[in-house]
Amino acid sequence: MEELNIKELFYQLWKKKFFIIIIVVVGIAVGMLYSSFVVKPLYKSVTTLVLSKATQDNGSISSGSITQTDVTLNQKLVSTYSEIMKSRTVAKQVIEKLKLNLTEEELIGKINVQSKKDTELLEISISNEDPKIASDIANTLAEVFTDKVKEVYKIENVSIIDKAEISIKPYNINLTKTVAIFAIGALFVACFVVFVGVYFNNTIKSPEEVEKLLGLPVLAVIPKYKA
């Protein structure tokens, strides 16, 4: 094992450029195959709800416009509503309505609920291998949840702002990004192989190394002769 010679390393990298290029091309091909045949495409559908002025069961609304108290109450209910949306009771009703071949736990695992910071908006996103099923689940979940709020709190303060639409493109596949990652990884592997070859190469490569290692002057150099 010898001291690393940066100049020699760069020389070897240049000398092995075709090897490096081939490895990178192979990496790109593997990345494309991985995106096309290994990764299962998942589609995401999103529906948005808003917490509004509470309406009682008899249809009456508290007098006046929405107050700061209403806003504060709704913001506090956001976390509670998020948990209700992911409850087994709601999941069971969605499964029964859509006749899904899923368990309650599997459906809950597909539900992602996010609240917009400092707002009364709830965003429900559903991911599934079938874009239509993802859209149907999101919309049905919003409807079942709204009914559940009426049942539990005896008020109507949830409205659907945006219904979920069928997604065209899978959200978990980015061919450009995947290929770039595989290409960079292949480049790193190729350069590492060359580096290891240079680092553990104990052969003498120049007259200067002879003088350095043996402490003897070089009197002559026999050139390489090709017959």
Protein backbone atom coordinates (compact mmCIF):
# COMPACT_ATOMS: atom_id res chain seq x y z
CA MET A 1 0.00 0.00 0.00
CA GLU A 2 1.46 3.34 -1.04
CA GLU A 3 0.84 7.01 -0.46
CA LEU A 4 -1.95 8.24 -2.70
CA ASN A 5 -0.76 10.15 -5.74
CA ILE A 6 -3.50 12.54 -6.83
CA LYS A 7 -1.91 13.11 -10.21
CA GLU A 8 -1.72 9.38 -10.84
CA LEU A 9 -5.34 8.99 -9.71
CA PHE A 10 -6.61 11.54 -12.21
CA TYR A 11 -4.46 9.98 -14.90
CA GLN A 12 -5.97 6.56 -14.21
CA LEU A 13 -9.47 8.01 -14.17
CA TRP A 14 -8.86 9.49 -17.59
CA LYS A 15 -7.25 6.28 -18.80
CA LYS A 16 -10.26 4.27 -17.61
CA LYS A 17 -12.80 6.75 -18.98
CA PHE A 18 -14.42 4.20 -21.28
CA PHE A 19 -14.82 1.78 -18.38
CA ILE A 20 -16.43 4.57 -16.33
CA ILE A 21 -18.74 5.53 -19.20
CA ILE A 22 -19.86 1.92 -19.63
CA ILE A 23 -20.62 1.59 -15.90
CA VAL A 24 -22.63 4.83 -15.96
CA VAL A 25 -24.60 3.67 -19.01
CA VAL A 26 -25.35 0.38 -17.24
CA GLY A 27 -26.48 2.36 -14.19
CA ILE A 28 -28.85 4.45 -16.34
CA ALA A 29 -30.29 1.29 -17.91
CA VAL A 30 -30.82 -0.29 -14.48
CA GLY A 31 -32.52 2.90 -13.27
CA MET A 32 -34.92 2.86 -16.21
CA LEU A 33 -35.70 -0.83 -15.69
CA TYR A 34 -36.22 -0.23 -11.96
CA SER A 35 -38.71 2.59 -12.61
CA SER A 36 -40.54 0.65 -15.32
CA PHE A 37 -40.79 -2.85 -13.85
CA VAL A 38 -39.94 -2.81 -10.14
CA VAL A 39 -41.69 0.24 -8.68
CA LYS A 40 -45.46 -0.12 -8.51
CA PRO A 41 -47.11 3.11 -9.66
CA LEU A 42 -49.29 4.75 -7.02
CA TYR A 43 -51.88 7.42 -7.73
CA LYS A 44 -52.95 10.09 -5.27
CA SER A 45 -56.31 11.85 -5.08
CA VAL A 46 -56.97 14.80 -2.81
CA THR A 47 -60.14 16.33 -1.44
CA THR A 48 -60.29 19.49 0.67
CA LEU A 49 -62.68 20.25 3.53
CA VAL A 50 -63.28 23.47 5.42
CA LEU A 51 -64.67 23.97 8.89
CA SER A 52 -67.31 26.69 8.72
CA LYS A 53 -70.00 28.28 10.87
CA ALA A 54 -71.79 25.59 12.86
CA THR A 55 -75.35 24.75 11.86
CA GLN A 56 -77.59 23.05 14.41
CA ASP A 57 -79.70 19.97 13.69
CA ASN A 58 -82.78 22.15 13.21
CA GLY A 59 -81.01 24.04 10.43
CA SER A 60 -80.55 27.27 12.41
CA ILE A 61 -77.24 29.14 12.39
CA SER A 62 -75.92 31.19 15.25
CA SER A 63 -76.63 34.87 14.67
CA GLY A 64 -73.98 37.09 13.17
CA SER A 65 -70.94 36.32 11.04
CA ILE A 66 -68.14 33.94 11.94
CA THR A 67 -66.44 35.16 15.11
CA GLN A 68 -62.92 34.65 16.40
CA THR A 69 -64.38 32.16 18.87
CA ASP A 70 -65.73 30.09 15.99
CA VAL A 71 -62.35 30.18 14.25
CA THR A 72 -60.49 29.18 17.40
CA LEU A 73 -62.93 26.34 18.10
CA ASN A 74 -62.66 25.04 14.55
CA GLN A 75 -58.86 25.13 14.63
CA LYS A 76 -58.93 23.09 17.84
CA LEU A 77 -61.32 20.61 16.22
CA VAL A 78 -58.97 20.06 13.28
CA SER A 79 -56.82 17.55 15.18
CA THR A 80 -59.88 15.75 16.53
CA TYR A 81 -61.48 15.60 13.11
CA SER A 82 -58.27 14.19 11.64
CA GLU A 83 -58.41 11.29 14.08
CA ILE A 84 -62.12 10.69 13.45
CA MET A 85 -61.40 10.49 9.73
CA LYS A 86 -58.87 7.70 10.38
CA SER A 87 -61.08 5.81 12.80
CA ARG A 88 -62.11 2.20 12.23
CA THR A 89 -65.80 3.16 12.20
CA VAL A 90 -65.37 5.59 9.31
CA ALA A 91 -63.08 3.18 7.46
CA LYS A 92 -65.63 0.38 7.81
CA GLN A 93 -68.42 2.51 6.33
CA VAL A 94 -66.23 3.54 3.38
CA ILE A 95 -65.32 -0.10 2.70
CA GLU A 96 -68.99 -1.14 2.80
CA LYS A 97 -70.13 1.69 0.51
CA LEU A 98 -67.46 1.03 -2.11
CA LYS A 99 -67.31 -2.75 -1.56
CA LEU A 100 -63.54 -2.57 -1.25
CA ASN A 101 -61.43 -5.67 -0.85
CA LEU A 102 -59.50 -4.08 2.01
CA THR A 103 -59.33 -4.43 5.76
CA GLU A 104 -60.00 -1.43 7.96
CA GLU A 105 -56.30 -1.22 8.87
CA GLU A 106 -55.25 -1.34 5.21
CA LEU A 107 -57.61 1.48 4.31
CA ILE A 108 -56.52 3.60 7.27
CA GLY A 109 -52.92 3.12 6.12
CA LYS A 110 -53.82 4.73 2.78
CA ILE A 111 -55.36 7.82 4.42
CA ASN A 112 -53.25 10.91 4.92
CA VAL A 113 -54.85 13.94 6.58
CA GLN A 114 -53.11 17.29 6.73
CA SER A 115 -54.29 20.59 8.12
CA LYS A 116 -53.19 23.84 6.52
CA LYS A 117 -51.29 25.88 9.10
CA ASP A 118 -53.33 28.66 10.73
CA THR A 119 -56.40 27.74 8.68
CA GLU A 120 -59.54 25.67 9.06
CA LEU A 121 -58.80 23.55 6.00
CA LEU A 122 -58.36 19.80 6.04
CA GLU A 123 -56.74 18.04 3.10
CA ILE A 124 -57.47 14.33 2.65
CA SER A 125 -55.17 12.43 0.32
CA ILE A 126 -55.56 8.78 -0.67
CA SER A 127 -52.96 6.71 -2.51
CA ASN A 128 -53.78 3.57 -4.45
CA GLU A 129 -52.57 1.55 -7.42
CA ASP A 130 -55.88 2.29 -9.16
CA PRO A 131 -56.43 6.05 -9.75
CA LYS A 132 -60.23 5.72 -9.87
CA ILE A 133 -60.37 3.81 -6.59
CA ALA A 134 -58.15 6.45 -4.98
CA SER A 135 -60.57 9.17 -6.13
CA ASP A 136 -63.65 7.21 -5.01
CA ILE A 137 -62.17 6.55 -1.57
CA ALA A 138 -61.26 10.22 -1.04
CA ASN A 139 -64.72 11.48 -1.98
CA THR A 140 -66.60 8.77 -0.08
CA LEU A 141 -64.39 9.29 2.97
CA ALA A 142 -65.23 13.01 2.96
CA GLU A 143 -68.95 12.24 2.79
CA VAL A 144 -68.86 9.58 5.51
CA PHE A 145 -66.78 11.83 7.74
CA THR A 146 -69.20 14.74 7.31
CA ASP A 147 -72.09 12.52 8.33
CA LYS A 148 -70.12 11.22 11.30
CA VAL A 149 -69.50 14.79 12.53
CA LYS A 150 -73.23 15.48 12.36
CA GLU A 151 -73.89 12.29 14.33
CA VAL A 152 -71.27 12.88 17.02
CA TYR A 153 -71.34 16.68 17.50
CA LYS A 154 -74.93 17.34 16.36
CA ILE A 155 -73.69 20.19 14.19
CA GLU A 156 -72.93 20.79 10.53
CA ASN A 157 -69.67 22.70 10.33
CA VAL A 158 -67.83 20.76 7.62
CA SER A 159 -68.08 21.58 3.92
CA ILE A 160 -66.36 20.01 0.93
CA ILE A 161 -64.39 22.63 -1.00
CA ASP A 162 -62.66 20.48 -3.63
CA LYS A 163 -63.70 16.99 -4.60
CA ALA A 164 -61.03 14.46 -5.48
CA GLU A 165 -60.31 13.93 -9.15
CA ILE A 166 -58.81 10.94 -10.94
CA SER A 167 -55.05 11.36 -11.13
CA ILE A 168 -53.36 10.79 -14.48
CA LYS A 169 -49.74 10.43 -13.41
CA PRO A 170 -48.36 8.29 -10.55
CA TYR A 171 -46.88 10.42 -7.79
CA ASN A 172 -44.18 7.95 -6.73
CA ILE A 173 -42.41 7.59 -10.10
CA ASN A 174 -40.02 10.24 -11.38
CA LEU A 175 -38.02 8.70 -14.22
CA THR A 176 -35.59 11.62 -14.53
CA LYS A 177 -34.81 11.67 -10.82
CA THR A 178 -34.45 7.89 -10.58
CA VAL A 179 -32.14 7.68 -13.61
CA ALA A 180 -30.04 10.55 -12.26
CA ILE A 181 -29.64 8.80 -8.89
CA PHE A 182 -28.63 5.51 -10.52
CA ALA A 183 -26.22 7.30 -12.88
CA ILE A 184 -24.53 9.16 -10.02
CA GLY A 185 -24.34 5.92 -8.02
CA ALA A 186 -22.78 4.09 -10.98
CA LEU A 187 -20.27 6.92 -11.48
CA PHE A 188 -19.29 6.73 -7.82
CA VAL A 189 -18.84 2.94 -8.01
CA ALA A 190 -16.71 3.20 -11.17
CA CYS A 191 -14.50 5.92 -9.68
CA PHE A 192 -14.17 3.95 -6.44
CA VAL A 193 -13.00 0.86 -8.37
CA VAL A 194 -10.35 2.96 -10.15
CA PHE A 195 -9.33 4.56 -6.84
CA VAL A 196 -8.89 1.17 -5.18
CA GLY A 197 -6.79 0.01 -8.13
CA VAL A 198 -4.50 3.01 -7.83
CA TYR A 199 -4.32 2.97 -4.03
CA PHE A 200 -3.35 -0.69 -3.73
CA ASN A 201 -1.06 -0.76 -6.78
CA ASN A 202 2.47 -1.42 -5.43
CA THR A 203 4.26 -1.45 -8.76
CA ILE A 204 6.94 1.14 -9.53
CA LYS A 205 5.70 3.47 -12.21
CA SER A 206 8.54 5.95 -12.76
CA PRO A 207 12.32 6.44 -12.24
CA GLU A 208 11.49 9.02 -9.60
CA GLU A 209 9.78 6.37 -7.50
CA VAL A 210 12.90 4.16 -7.70
CA GLU A 211 15.05 6.97 -6.34
CA LYS A 212 12.48 7.76 -3.66
CA LEU A 213 11.99 4.17 -2.48
CA LEU A 214 15.56 2.85 -2.78
CA GLY A 215 17.53 6.03 -2.31
CA LEU A 216 19.64 5.19 -5.37
CA PRO A 217 20.22 7.28 -8.47
CA VAL A 218 18.81 6.07 -11.77
CA LEU A 219 21.61 5.74 -14.30
CA ALA A 220 19.53 4.65 -17.29
CA VAL A 221 16.03 3.80 -18.39
CA ILE A 222 15.35 1.03 -20.88
CA PRO A 223 12.46 2.02 -23.10
CA LYS A 224 9.62 -0.39 -23.75
CA TYR A 225 10.26 -2.23 -26.98
CA LYS A 226 7.47 -3.54 -29.17
CA ALA A 227 8.44 -6.35 -31.53
